[in-house]
Amino acid sequence: MEQHPLPPDLACSPFQHTLATNLDKTHACEAAIGYKFQDPWLLWEALQADGSPVAHLGIPRYEAGNMRLAIVGDRILDLLLALHWYPTGQKRVAFDTLRHQTTTNVSFTTARNRMGMSRYITKAMGAERTALVSPRTMSATVEAVIGAVYLDGGIGAAKVIVGKLGIWVL
């Protein structure tokens, strides 16, 4: 297995061993989504639910788990939808309808079921006792994975992953 050093902001963590061990989960997720990250720590971050133990590392970048990447992923999904919608010449209401249908929790639940993503998520403390992942956490994680893929491989890679996740076929 390829070794990836801890990012500088995690290298000083007293939880280095646990972080490195969690990379195994990241590699399994890569296989499930069919994308090999140049920087697997982006995917690792995407799999940290808001409230997961990573929030307690004292590193501002990780205090909200995957929420920063989820914002990126949400905007990339909007961009991909807009690029598909624009050439159609349809009115704005058609874009809004498409966006609503695509970005609902139901769509993201489909992605979860298709790829089995819930088993890779590091849940909020206390929530790890249950096998269920809330729709809100699943949505944020799917968006964060899209954001991580975009930052790692660009818009083309993000477009492929959106299709593989079954959110919407572009």
Protein backbone atom coordinates (compact mmCIF):
# COMPACT_ATOMS: atom_id res chain seq x y z
CA MET A 1 0.00 0.00 0.00
CA GLU A 2 1.24 3.44 -0.90
CA GLN A 3 2.38 5.57 2.05
CA HIS A 4 1.19 9.16 2.27
CA PRO A 5 2.74 11.39 4.91
CA LEU A 6 0.42 13.22 7.25
CA PRO A 7 -0.31 16.80 6.20
CA PRO A 8 1.74 19.30 8.26
CA ASP A 9 -1.29 20.38 10.31
CA LEU A 10 -1.94 16.76 11.33
CA ALA A 11 1.70 15.67 11.74
CA CYS A 12 1.91 17.23 15.21
CA SER A 13 -1.30 15.53 16.39
CA PRO A 14 -1.16 13.12 19.31
CA PHE A 15 -3.58 10.99 17.24
CA GLN A 16 -1.12 10.29 14.39
CA HIS A 17 -1.53 6.51 14.58
CA THR A 18 -5.33 6.69 14.51
CA LEU A 19 -5.24 9.12 11.60
CA ALA A 20 -2.93 6.88 9.60
CA THR A 21 -5.10 3.85 10.39
CA ASN A 22 -8.17 5.70 9.09
CA LEU A 23 -6.39 6.02 5.76
CA ASP A 24 -7.29 2.35 5.19
CA LYS A 25 -10.95 3.39 5.16
CA THR A 26 -10.05 6.13 2.70
CA HIS A 27 -8.39 3.66 0.34
CA ALA A 28 -11.48 1.41 0.48
CA CYS A 29 -13.66 4.40 -0.39
CA GLU A 30 -11.40 5.23 -3.34
CA ALA A 31 -12.01 1.73 -4.68
CA ALA A 32 -15.77 2.08 -4.15
CA ILE A 33 -16.05 5.38 -6.01
CA GLY A 34 -13.52 4.41 -8.68
CA TYR A 35 -11.23 7.40 -8.24
CA LYS A 36 -7.59 7.31 -7.07
CA PHE A 37 -6.63 10.49 -5.23
CA GLN A 38 -3.26 12.14 -5.71
CA ASP A 39 -3.80 13.54 -2.21
CA PRO A 40 -5.82 10.96 -0.22
CA TRP A 41 -6.02 13.35 2.73
CA LEU A 42 -8.61 15.31 0.77
CA LEU A 43 -10.84 12.24 0.73
CA TRP A 44 -10.03 11.55 4.38
CA GLU A 45 -11.25 15.06 5.24
CA ALA A 46 -14.37 14.57 3.10
CA LEU A 47 -15.27 11.50 5.16
CA GLN A 48 -15.16 13.32 8.51
CA ALA A 49 -18.74 14.14 9.52
CA ASP A 50 -19.43 17.36 11.39
CA GLY A 51 -18.86 16.52 15.06
CA SER A 52 -16.48 13.63 14.37
CA PRO A 53 -13.48 13.23 16.69
CA VAL A 54 -11.34 15.18 14.20
CA ALA A 55 -13.12 18.33 15.42
CA HIS A 56 -11.27 17.94 18.71
CA LEU A 57 -7.77 18.04 17.22
CA GLY A 58 -7.67 21.81 17.72
CA ILE A 59 -6.90 22.44 14.05
CA PRO A 60 -9.22 25.11 12.59
CA ARG A 61 -9.27 23.42 9.18
CA TYR A 62 -11.01 20.36 10.63
CA GLU A 63 -13.25 21.86 13.33
CA ALA A 64 -16.38 21.44 11.19
CA GLY A 65 -15.39 18.05 9.79
CA ASN A 66 -16.14 17.91 6.06
CA MET A 67 -18.24 21.09 5.88
CA ARG A 68 -15.60 23.20 4.10
CA LEU A 69 -15.26 20.59 1.36
CA ALA A 70 -19.05 20.21 1.22
CA ILE A 71 -19.34 23.89 0.31
CA VAL A 72 -16.85 23.38 -2.53
CA GLY A 73 -18.71 20.27 -3.71
CA ASP A 74 -22.07 22.04 -3.62
CA ARG A 75 -20.72 24.82 -5.85
CA ILE A 76 -19.11 22.35 -8.26
CA LEU A 77 -22.38 20.45 -8.55
CA ASP A 78 -24.15 23.76 -9.30
CA LEU A 79 -21.53 24.56 -11.95
CA LEU A 80 -21.91 21.16 -13.61
CA LEU A 81 -25.68 21.53 -13.65
CA ALA A 82 -25.46 25.06 -15.07
CA LEU A 83 -23.06 23.94 -17.80
CA HIS A 84 -25.52 21.22 -18.78
CA TRP A 85 -28.57 23.50 -18.58
CA TYR A 86 -27.19 26.60 -20.36
CA PRO A 87 -26.93 25.20 -23.91
CA THR A 88 -30.55 23.99 -23.74
CA GLY A 89 -31.85 27.56 -23.94
CA GLN A 90 -34.45 26.76 -21.29
CA LYS A 91 -35.66 29.36 -18.80
CA ARG A 92 -34.16 29.78 -15.35
CA VAL A 93 -37.05 27.89 -13.78
CA ALA A 94 -35.87 24.75 -15.62
CA PHE A 95 -32.45 25.11 -14.01
CA ASP A 96 -34.00 25.62 -10.58
CA THR A 97 -36.14 22.50 -11.01
CA LEU A 98 -33.16 20.47 -12.20
CA ARG A 99 -31.08 21.69 -9.27
CA HIS A 100 -33.79 20.87 -6.76
CA GLN A 101 -34.30 17.37 -8.17
CA THR A 102 -30.57 16.69 -8.25
CA THR A 103 -29.49 18.01 -4.89
CA THR A 104 -32.17 16.57 -2.63
CA ASN A 105 -31.32 14.26 0.22
CA VAL A 106 -33.03 11.52 -1.79
CA SER A 107 -30.45 11.84 -4.58
CA PHE A 108 -27.62 11.71 -2.07
CA THR A 109 -29.19 8.72 -0.34
CA THR A 110 -29.16 6.97 -3.71
CA ALA A 111 -25.45 7.76 -3.97
CA ARG A 112 -24.89 6.36 -0.50
CA ASN A 113 -26.71 3.16 -1.31
CA ARG A 114 -25.03 2.79 -4.68
CA MET A 115 -21.49 3.08 -3.33
CA GLY A 116 -22.05 1.95 0.26
CA MET A 117 -20.50 5.22 1.35
CA SER A 118 -21.97 5.26 4.84
CA ARG A 119 -19.45 2.65 6.02
CA TYR A 120 -16.54 5.00 5.25
CA ILE A 121 -17.83 8.05 7.15
CA THR A 122 -16.29 8.94 10.50
CA LYS A 123 -19.45 9.89 12.37
CA ALA A 124 -20.03 12.44 15.07
CA MET A 125 -19.00 11.39 18.54
CA GLY A 126 -21.89 9.46 20.06
CA ALA A 127 -23.35 8.66 16.64
CA GLU A 128 -20.77 5.95 15.93
CA ARG A 129 -22.89 3.52 17.95
CA THR A 130 -25.56 3.47 15.27
CA ALA A 131 -25.15 2.08 11.78
CA LEU A 132 -27.39 4.79 10.35
CA VAL A 133 -26.09 7.98 8.80
CA SER A 134 -28.53 10.88 8.81
CA PRO A 135 -29.64 12.31 5.44
CA ARG A 136 -28.01 15.64 6.36
CA THR A 137 -24.66 13.97 7.12
CA MET A 138 -24.91 11.89 3.95
CA SER A 139 -25.63 14.96 1.82
CA ALA A 140 -22.70 16.84 3.31
CA THR A 141 -20.40 13.87 2.80
CA VAL A 142 -21.40 13.32 -0.84
CA GLU A 143 -20.89 17.04 -1.53
CA ALA A 144 -17.55 16.91 0.31
CA VAL A 145 -16.41 13.94 -1.78
CA ILE A 146 -17.33 15.86 -4.96
CA GLY A 147 -15.38 18.85 -3.62
CA ALA A 148 -12.38 16.68 -2.77
CA VAL A 149 -12.37 15.09 -6.22
CA TYR A 150 -12.59 18.53 -7.84
CA LEU A 151 -9.66 19.87 -5.79
CA ASP A 152 -7.64 16.74 -6.54
CA GLY A 153 -8.44 16.16 -10.20
CA GLY A 154 -10.33 19.12 -11.62
CA ILE A 155 -13.76 19.61 -13.14
CA GLY A 156 -13.54 16.60 -15.48
CA ALA A 157 -12.88 14.22 -12.60
CA ALA A 158 -15.72 15.78 -10.58
CA LYS A 159 -18.09 15.31 -13.52
CA VAL A 160 -17.20 11.61 -13.75
CA ILE A 161 -17.72 11.10 -10.00
CA VAL A 162 -21.12 12.83 -10.06
CA GLY A 163 -22.17 10.31 -12.72
CA LYS A 164 -20.69 7.34 -10.85
CA LEU A 165 -22.44 8.37 -7.66
CA GLY A 166 -25.70 8.29 -9.59
CA ILE A 167 -26.66 11.78 -8.48
CA TRP A 168 -27.25 12.83 -12.03
CA VAL A 169 -25.90 11.58 -15.32
CA LEU A 170 -24.17 14.41 -17.14
